[in-house]
Amino acid sequence: MAKNQDAQLSHEKIKWKMKYDYMHAQMDRVHKGLEGIQNIIGLAERHDLDTLLFLQQSVNIMAALFKLKAVTIGLRGHDGKYRYEVMSGLRDEAWKFQRSVVYKEADFSDSPQYKGEMISKLTKIYLAEDKPFPEAEKEAYNRPLLLGIKRRSPEDWIEGDYLDVHIRGSNGSLLGWIEVMGTNDGKIPDVTTVKFLETFSVAIAKRIDAKKL
């Protein structure tokens, strides 16, 4: 009888430990996300940082915090067109190509050329199976030779997937976008990560809006 009780207690300890570790990991992740938001808000308030340096530090924080293999930020220029401005994690050739690409605002909505699905008011996901980019832009990817690889599970991130989080001003206008093109674990970002990225986009929008005043 004593042995059975000891075995039962041992089983219970495993379950308690698993629950504790899971809750601790989730809280730790949330705390890190909140700390990242505080850091970006702090950077946004620094007058000694120009906008591009602020954006560069922002992508560096996001890449490290959410384990993103490649992330960029693009902005609307004075001519009303949209271009990539800063990045973290892209190979030199891909970044050089991206810097040559120019978008118009319609490309971020229901564009037949860039096929994606809005999953919230700010975030749009593009899946490789939908061929969401023109063939001429395949050099913008870190590993273009892997385009066309089959997805093994719904959680997998494959070459050709990307996620755009819109940066919108106080009047709702599209100021720019955060683009995720890869994750370290090869998985599609979960809802928690997406919500944090959306919060980062709001902080970035406030900085850009403030610079226009």
C-alpha atoms as a PDB file:
ATOM      1  CA  MET A   1       0.000   0.000   0.000  1.00  0.00           C
ATOM      2  CA  ALA A   2       2.796   2.421   0.921  1.00  0.00           C
ATOM      3  CA  LYS A   3       4.517   1.778  -2.394  1.00  0.00           C
ATOM      4  CA  ASN A   4       1.315   2.539  -4.288  1.00  0.00           C
ATOM      5  CA  GLN A   5       0.899   5.803  -2.363  1.00  0.00           C
ATOM      6  CA  ASP A   6       4.511   6.786  -3.067  1.00  0.00           C
ATOM      7  CA  ALA A   7       4.015   6.059  -6.761  1.00  0.00           C
ATOM      8  CA  GLN A   8       0.825   8.150  -6.794  1.00  0.00           C
ATOM      9  CA  LEU A   9       2.605  11.051  -5.099  1.00  0.00           C
ATOM     10  CA  SER A  10       5.420  10.784  -7.627  1.00  0.00           C
ATOM     11  CA  HIS A  11       2.928  10.997 -10.497  1.00  0.00           C
ATOM     12  CA  GLU A  12       1.249  13.989  -8.905  1.00  0.00           C
ATOM     13  CA  LYS A  13       4.589  15.759  -8.483  1.00  0.00           C
ATOM     14  CA  ILE A  14       5.261  15.353 -12.212  1.00  0.00           C
ATOM     15  CA  LYS A  15       1.918  16.954 -13.049  1.00  0.00           C
ATOM     16  CA  TRP A  16       2.423  19.772 -10.548  1.00  0.00           C
ATOM     17  CA  LYS A  17       5.907  20.450 -11.926  1.00  0.00           C
ATOM     18  CA  MET A  18       4.647  20.463 -15.522  1.00  0.00           C
ATOM     19  CA  LYS A  19       1.862  22.907 -14.649  1.00  0.00           C
ATOM     20  CA  TYR A  20       4.249  25.163 -12.713  1.00  0.00           C
ATOM     21  CA  ASP A  21       6.870  25.132 -15.489  1.00  0.00           C
ATOM     22  CA  TYR A  22       4.222  25.894 -18.121  1.00  0.00           C
ATOM     23  CA  MET A  23       2.762  28.809 -16.165  1.00  0.00           C
ATOM     24  CA  HIS A  24       6.222  30.144 -15.355  1.00  0.00           C
ATOM     25  CA  ALA A  25       7.287  29.967 -19.007  1.00  0.00           C
ATOM     26  CA  GLN A  26       4.147  31.795 -20.137  1.00  0.00           C
ATOM     27  CA  MET A  27       4.537  34.520 -17.513  1.00  0.00           C
ATOM     28  CA  ASP A  28       8.240  34.883 -18.285  1.00  0.00           C
ATOM     29  CA  ARG A  29       7.436  35.316 -21.972  1.00  0.00           C
ATOM     30  CA  VAL A  30       4.759  37.915 -21.228  1.00  0.00           C
ATOM     31  CA  HIS A  31       7.126  39.783 -18.925  1.00  0.00           C
ATOM     32  CA  LYS A  32       9.803  39.828 -21.612  1.00  0.00           C
ATOM     33  CA  GLY A  33       7.266  41.121 -24.129  1.00  0.00           C
ATOM     34  CA  LEU A  34       6.172  43.899 -21.784  1.00  0.00           C
ATOM     35  CA  GLU A  35       9.787  44.793 -21.107  1.00  0.00           C
ATOM     36  CA  GLY A  36      10.380  45.005 -24.855  1.00  0.00           C
ATOM     37  CA  ILE A  37       7.431  47.351 -25.271  1.00  0.00           C
ATOM     38  CA  GLN A  38       8.766  49.550 -22.475  1.00  0.00           C
ATOM     39  CA  ASN A  39      12.154  49.653 -24.193  1.00  0.00           C
ATOM     40  CA  ILE A  40      10.651  50.710 -27.530  1.00  0.00           C
ATOM     41  CA  ILE A  41       8.483  53.375 -25.882  1.00  0.00           C
ATOM     42  CA  GLY A  42      11.610  54.653 -24.141  1.00  0.00           C
ATOM     43  CA  LEU A  43      13.493  54.773 -27.430  1.00  0.00           C
ATOM     44  CA  ALA A  44      10.565  56.550 -29.106  1.00  0.00           C
ATOM     45  CA  GLU A  45      10.822  59.353 -26.563  1.00  0.00           C
ATOM     46  CA  ARG A  46      14.544  59.931 -27.112  1.00  0.00           C
ATOM     47  CA  HIS A  47      15.147  63.095 -29.123  1.00  0.00           C
ATOM     48  CA  ASP A  48      18.777  62.167 -29.841  1.00  0.00           C
ATOM     49  CA  LEU A  49      17.730  59.203 -32.009  1.00  0.00           C
ATOM     50  CA  ASP A  50      16.720  59.905 -35.583  1.00  0.00           C
ATOM     51  CA  THR A  51      13.820  57.881 -36.986  1.00  0.00           C
ATOM     52  CA  LEU A  52      15.925  55.325 -38.875  1.00  0.00           C
ATOM     53  CA  LEU A  53      18.122  54.597 -35.864  1.00  0.00           C
ATOM     54  CA  PHE A  54      15.000  54.227 -33.721  1.00  0.00           C
ATOM     55  CA  LEU A  55      13.527  51.782 -36.258  1.00  0.00           C
ATOM     56  CA  GLN A  56      16.780  49.817 -36.478  1.00  0.00           C
ATOM     57  CA  GLN A  57      16.900  49.395 -32.719  1.00  0.00           C
ATOM     58  CA  SER A  58      13.225  48.409 -32.791  1.00  0.00           C
ATOM     59  CA  VAL A  59      13.766  45.559 -35.285  1.00  0.00           C
ATOM     60  CA  ASN A  60      16.772  44.385 -33.291  1.00  0.00           C
ATOM     61  CA  ILE A  61      14.642  44.216 -30.136  1.00  0.00           C
ATOM     62  CA  MET A  62      11.798  42.395 -31.902  1.00  0.00           C
ATOM     63  CA  ALA A  63      14.131  39.874 -33.547  1.00  0.00           C
ATOM     64  CA  ALA A  64      15.814  38.996 -30.248  1.00  0.00           C
ATOM     65  CA  LEU A  65      12.655  39.052 -28.138  1.00  0.00           C
ATOM     66  CA  PHE A  66      10.441  36.924 -30.389  1.00  0.00           C
ATOM     67  CA  LYS A  67      13.230  34.811 -31.931  1.00  0.00           C
ATOM     68  CA  LEU A  68      12.572  36.085 -35.448  1.00  0.00           C
ATOM     69  CA  LYS A  69      15.037  34.955 -38.082  1.00  0.00           C
ATOM     70  CA  ALA A  70      14.274  37.893 -40.367  1.00  0.00           C
ATOM     71  CA  VAL A  71      12.225  41.038 -39.701  1.00  0.00           C
ATOM     72  CA  THR A  72      12.023  44.372 -41.531  1.00  0.00           C
ATOM     73  CA  ILE A  73      10.251  47.703 -41.240  1.00  0.00           C
ATOM     74  CA  GLY A  74       9.098  49.756 -44.204  1.00  0.00           C
ATOM     75  CA  LEU A  75       7.699  53.291 -44.320  1.00  0.00           C
ATOM     76  CA  ARG A  76       5.695  55.557 -46.577  1.00  0.00           C
ATOM     77  CA  GLY A  77       7.910  58.114 -48.265  1.00  0.00           C
ATOM     78  CA  HIS A  78       7.214  61.735 -49.172  1.00  0.00           C
ATOM     79  CA  ASP A  79       6.035  60.535 -52.587  1.00  0.00           C
ATOM     80  CA  GLY A  80       3.345  58.353 -51.010  1.00  0.00           C
ATOM     81  CA  LYS A  81       5.145  55.131 -51.989  1.00  0.00           C
ATOM     82  CA  TYR A  82       6.274  52.472 -49.507  1.00  0.00           C
ATOM     83  CA  ARG A  83       9.833  51.140 -49.183  1.00  0.00           C
ATOM     84  CA  TYR A  84      11.812  48.928 -46.822  1.00  0.00           C
ATOM     85  CA  GLU A  85      13.979  50.973 -44.454  1.00  0.00           C
ATOM     86  CA  VAL A  86      15.616  48.720 -41.826  1.00  0.00           C
ATOM     87  CA  MET A  87      16.079  44.991 -41.284  1.00  0.00           C
ATOM     88  CA  SER A  88      17.477  42.308 -39.023  1.00  0.00           C
ATOM     89  CA  GLY A  89      18.564  38.883 -40.224  1.00  0.00           C
ATOM     90  CA  LEU A  90      18.380  39.154 -44.016  1.00  0.00           C
ATOM     91  CA  ARG A  91      21.273  38.084 -46.224  1.00  0.00           C
ATOM     92  CA  ASP A  92      22.950  40.990 -48.024  1.00  0.00           C
ATOM     93  CA  GLU A  93      21.645  40.035 -51.483  1.00  0.00           C
ATOM     94  CA  ALA A  94      18.050  39.748 -50.261  1.00  0.00           C
ATOM     95  CA  TRP A  95      18.235  43.094 -48.486  1.00  0.00           C
ATOM     96  CA  LYS A  96      19.725  44.799 -51.531  1.00  0.00           C
ATOM     97  CA  PHE A  97      16.846  43.480 -53.620  1.00  0.00           C
ATOM     98  CA  GLN A  98      14.221  44.466 -51.053  1.00  0.00           C
ATOM     99  CA  ARG A  99      15.572  48.002 -50.955  1.00  0.00           C
ATOM    100  CA  SER A 100      14.814  48.286 -54.681  1.00  0.00           C
ATOM    101  CA  VAL A 101      11.147  47.275 -54.302  1.00  0.00           C
ATOM    102  CA  VAL A 102       8.531  50.048 -54.216  1.00  0.00           C
ATOM    103  CA  TYR A 103       4.924  49.470 -53.129  1.00  0.00           C
ATOM    104  CA  LYS A 104       1.737  51.491 -53.341  1.00  0.00           C
ATOM    105  CA  GLU A 105      -0.924  51.519 -50.628  1.00  0.00           C
ATOM    106  CA  ALA A 106      -3.247  49.254 -52.636  1.00  0.00           C
ATOM    107  CA  ASP A 107      -0.614  46.503 -52.445  1.00  0.00           C
ATOM    108  CA  PHE A 108      -1.337  46.150 -48.728  1.00  0.00           C
ATOM    109  CA  SER A 109      -5.085  45.614 -49.129  1.00  0.00           C
ATOM    110  CA  ASP A 110      -6.881  43.156 -51.455  1.00  0.00           C
ATOM    111  CA  SER A 111      -4.156  43.038 -54.045  1.00  0.00           C
ATOM    112  CA  PRO A 112      -4.261  40.299 -56.719  1.00  0.00           C
ATOM    113  CA  GLN A 113      -0.463  40.530 -56.860  1.00  0.00           C
ATOM    114  CA  TYR A 114       0.152  40.091 -53.104  1.00  0.00           C
ATOM    115  CA  LYS A 115      -2.363  37.499 -51.903  1.00  0.00           C
ATOM    116  CA  GLY A 116      -2.873  37.353 -48.144  1.00  0.00           C
ATOM    117  CA  GLU A 117      -5.490  37.135 -45.422  1.00  0.00           C
ATOM    118  CA  MET A 118      -6.177  39.717 -42.719  1.00  0.00           C
ATOM    119  CA  ILE A 119      -6.251  37.951 -39.342  1.00  0.00           C
ATOM    120  CA  SER A 120      -6.890  41.153 -37.367  1.00  0.00           C
ATOM    121  CA  LYS A 121      -7.272  44.883 -38.009  1.00  0.00           C
ATOM    122  CA  LEU A 122      -3.500  45.272 -38.294  1.00  0.00           C
ATOM    123  CA  THR A 123      -2.043  41.907 -39.287  1.00  0.00           C
ATOM    124  CA  LYS A 124      -2.057  40.089 -42.589  1.00  0.00           C
ATOM    125  CA  ILE A 125      -0.568  36.652 -43.216  1.00  0.00           C
ATOM    126  CA  TYR A 126       0.736  35.481 -46.569  1.00  0.00           C
ATOM    127  CA  LEU A 127       1.203  31.751 -47.158  1.00  0.00           C
ATOM    128  CA  ALA A 128       3.561  30.305 -49.736  1.00  0.00           C
ATOM    129  CA  GLU A 129       0.909  27.986 -51.184  1.00  0.00           C
ATOM    130  CA  ASP A 130      -1.040  31.047 -52.380  1.00  0.00           C
ATOM    131  CA  LYS A 131       2.031  32.350 -54.245  1.00  0.00           C
ATOM    132  CA  PRO A 132       1.657  35.697 -52.464  1.00  0.00           C
ATOM    133  CA  PHE A 133       4.505  37.460 -54.278  1.00  0.00           C
ATOM    134  CA  PRO A 134       5.375  38.054 -57.958  1.00  0.00           C
ATOM    135  CA  GLU A 135       7.939  35.636 -59.397  1.00  0.00           C
ATOM    136  CA  ALA A 136      10.269  38.579 -60.004  1.00  0.00           C
ATOM    137  CA  GLU A 137      10.501  39.209 -56.243  1.00  0.00           C
ATOM    138  CA  LYS A 138      11.683  35.751 -55.153  1.00  0.00           C
ATOM    139  CA  GLU A 139      15.203  37.138 -54.653  1.00  0.00           C
ATOM    140  CA  ALA A 140      13.823  39.091 -51.683  1.00  0.00           C
ATOM    141  CA  TYR A 141      13.772  35.871 -49.656  1.00  0.00           C
ATOM    142  CA  ASN A 142      16.616  34.639 -47.507  1.00  0.00           C
ATOM    143  CA  ARG A 143      16.563  31.178 -49.097  1.00  0.00           C
ATOM    144  CA  PRO A 144      14.886  31.495 -52.516  1.00  0.00           C
ATOM    145  CA  LEU A 145      16.041  27.985 -53.523  1.00  0.00           C
ATOM    146  CA  LEU A 146      13.699  26.586 -50.841  1.00  0.00           C
ATOM    147  CA  LEU A 147      10.611  28.243 -52.315  1.00  0.00           C
ATOM    148  CA  GLY A 148       8.081  25.550 -53.169  1.00  0.00           C
ATOM    149  CA  ILE A 149       8.967  23.229 -50.281  1.00  0.00           C
ATOM    150  CA  LYS A 150       5.945  21.370 -48.895  1.00  0.00           C
ATOM    151  CA  ARG A 151       4.460  22.294 -45.515  1.00  0.00           C
ATOM    152  CA  ARG A 152       4.533  19.281 -43.172  1.00  0.00           C
ATOM    153  CA  SER A 153       2.147  20.634 -40.525  1.00  0.00           C
ATOM    154  CA  PRO A 154      -0.146  23.668 -40.027  1.00  0.00           C
ATOM    155  CA  GLU A 155       2.348  25.122 -37.519  1.00  0.00           C
ATOM    156  CA  ASP A 156       5.323  25.086 -39.895  1.00  0.00           C
ATOM    157  CA  TRP A 157       6.791  28.253 -41.361  1.00  0.00           C
ATOM    158  CA  ILE A 158       8.156  27.620 -44.863  1.00  0.00           C
ATOM    159  CA  GLU A 159      10.025  29.786 -47.317  1.00  0.00           C
ATOM    160  CA  GLY A 160       7.517  32.051 -49.045  1.00  0.00           C
ATOM    161  CA  ASP A 161       5.441  32.685 -45.895  1.00  0.00           C
ATOM    162  CA  TYR A 162       5.465  36.150 -44.408  1.00  0.00           C
ATOM    163  CA  LEU A 163       3.523  38.225 -41.914  1.00  0.00           C
ATOM    164  CA  ASP A 164       2.821  41.955 -42.205  1.00  0.00           C
ATOM    165  CA  VAL A 165       1.784  44.079 -39.232  1.00  0.00           C
ATOM    166  CA  HIS A 166       0.542  47.458 -40.412  1.00  0.00           C
ATOM    167  CA  ILE A 167       1.765  50.644 -38.760  1.00  0.00           C
ATOM    168  CA  ARG A 168      -1.168  53.046 -38.818  1.00  0.00           C
ATOM    169  CA  GLY A 169      -1.301  56.683 -37.788  1.00  0.00           C
ATOM    170  CA  SER A 170      -3.784  58.359 -35.477  1.00  0.00           C
ATOM    171  CA  ASN A 171      -6.037  59.060 -38.480  1.00  0.00           C
ATOM    172  CA  GLY A 172      -5.877  55.430 -39.634  1.00  0.00           C
ATOM    173  CA  SER A 173      -3.544  56.083 -42.555  1.00  0.00           C
ATOM    174  CA  LEU A 174      -0.926  53.462 -43.407  1.00  0.00           C
ATOM    175  CA  LEU A 175       2.443  54.820 -42.269  1.00  0.00           C
ATOM    176  CA  GLY A 176       4.384  51.618 -42.876  1.00  0.00           C
ATOM    177  CA  TRP A 177       4.617  47.986 -41.867  1.00  0.00           C
ATOM    178  CA  ILE A 178       6.567  45.435 -39.859  1.00  0.00           C
ATOM    179  CA  GLU A 179       7.328  42.319 -41.891  1.00  0.00           C
ATOM    180  CA  VAL A 180       8.337  38.948 -40.447  1.00  0.00           C
ATOM    181  CA  MET A 181       9.978  36.579 -42.933  1.00  0.00           C
ATOM    182  CA  GLY A 182      11.198  33.769 -40.707  1.00  0.00           C
ATOM    183  CA  THR A 183      11.345  32.411 -37.168  1.00  0.00           C
ATOM    184  CA  ASN A 184      14.180  30.609 -35.408  1.00  0.00           C
ATOM    185  CA  ASP A 185      12.037  27.592 -34.533  1.00  0.00           C
ATOM    186  CA  GLY A 186      10.519  27.293 -38.011  1.00  0.00           C
ATOM    187  CA  LYS A 187       6.998  27.777 -36.650  1.00  0.00           C
ATOM    188  CA  ILE A 188       4.334  30.337 -37.564  1.00  0.00           C
ATOM    189  CA  PRO A 189       4.178  33.050 -34.846  1.00  0.00           C
ATOM    190  CA  ASP A 190       1.450  32.400 -32.290  1.00  0.00           C
ATOM    191  CA  VAL A 191      -1.279  34.828 -31.247  1.00  0.00           C
ATOM    192  CA  THR A 192       0.719  36.155 -28.280  1.00  0.00           C
ATOM    193  CA  THR A 193       3.615  37.104 -30.547  1.00  0.00           C
ATOM    194  CA  VAL A 194       1.280  38.719 -33.093  1.00  0.00           C
ATOM    195  CA  LYS A 195      -0.416  40.812 -30.396  1.00  0.00           C
ATOM    196  CA  PHE A 196       2.938  41.980 -29.082  1.00  0.00           C
ATOM    197  CA  LEU A 197       4.053  42.904 -32.602  1.00  0.00           C
ATOM    198  CA  GLU A 198       0.830  44.886 -33.029  1.00  0.00           C
ATOM    199  CA  THR A 199       1.552  46.746 -29.790  1.00  0.00           C
ATOM    200  CA  PHE A 200       5.053  47.511 -31.077  1.00  0.00           C
ATOM    201  CA  SER A 201       3.504  48.868 -34.288  1.00  0.00           C
ATOM    202  CA  VAL A 202       1.354  51.259 -32.231  1.00  0.00           C
ATOM    203  CA  ALA A 203       4.429  52.546 -30.361  1.00  0.00           C
ATOM    204  CA  ILE A 204       6.293  52.999 -33.662  1.00  0.00           C
ATOM    205  CA  ALA A 205       3.296  54.826 -35.174  1.00  0.00           C
ATOM    206  CA  LYS A 206       3.238  57.274 -32.282  1.00  0.00           C
ATOM    207  CA  ARG A 207       6.913  58.090 -32.825  1.00  0.00           C
ATOM    208  CA  ILE A 208       6.415  58.627 -36.568  1.00  0.00           C
ATOM    209  CA  ASP A 209       3.270  60.705 -36.001  1.00  0.00           C
ATOM    210  CA  ALA A 210       5.074  62.832 -33.404  1.00  0.00           C
ATOM    211  CA  LYS A 211       7.905  63.566 -35.847  1.00  0.00           C
ATOM    212  CA  LYS A 212       5.371  64.995 -38.297  1.00  0.00           C
ATOM    213  CA  LEU A 213       4.044  67.544 -35.830  1.00  0.00           C
END
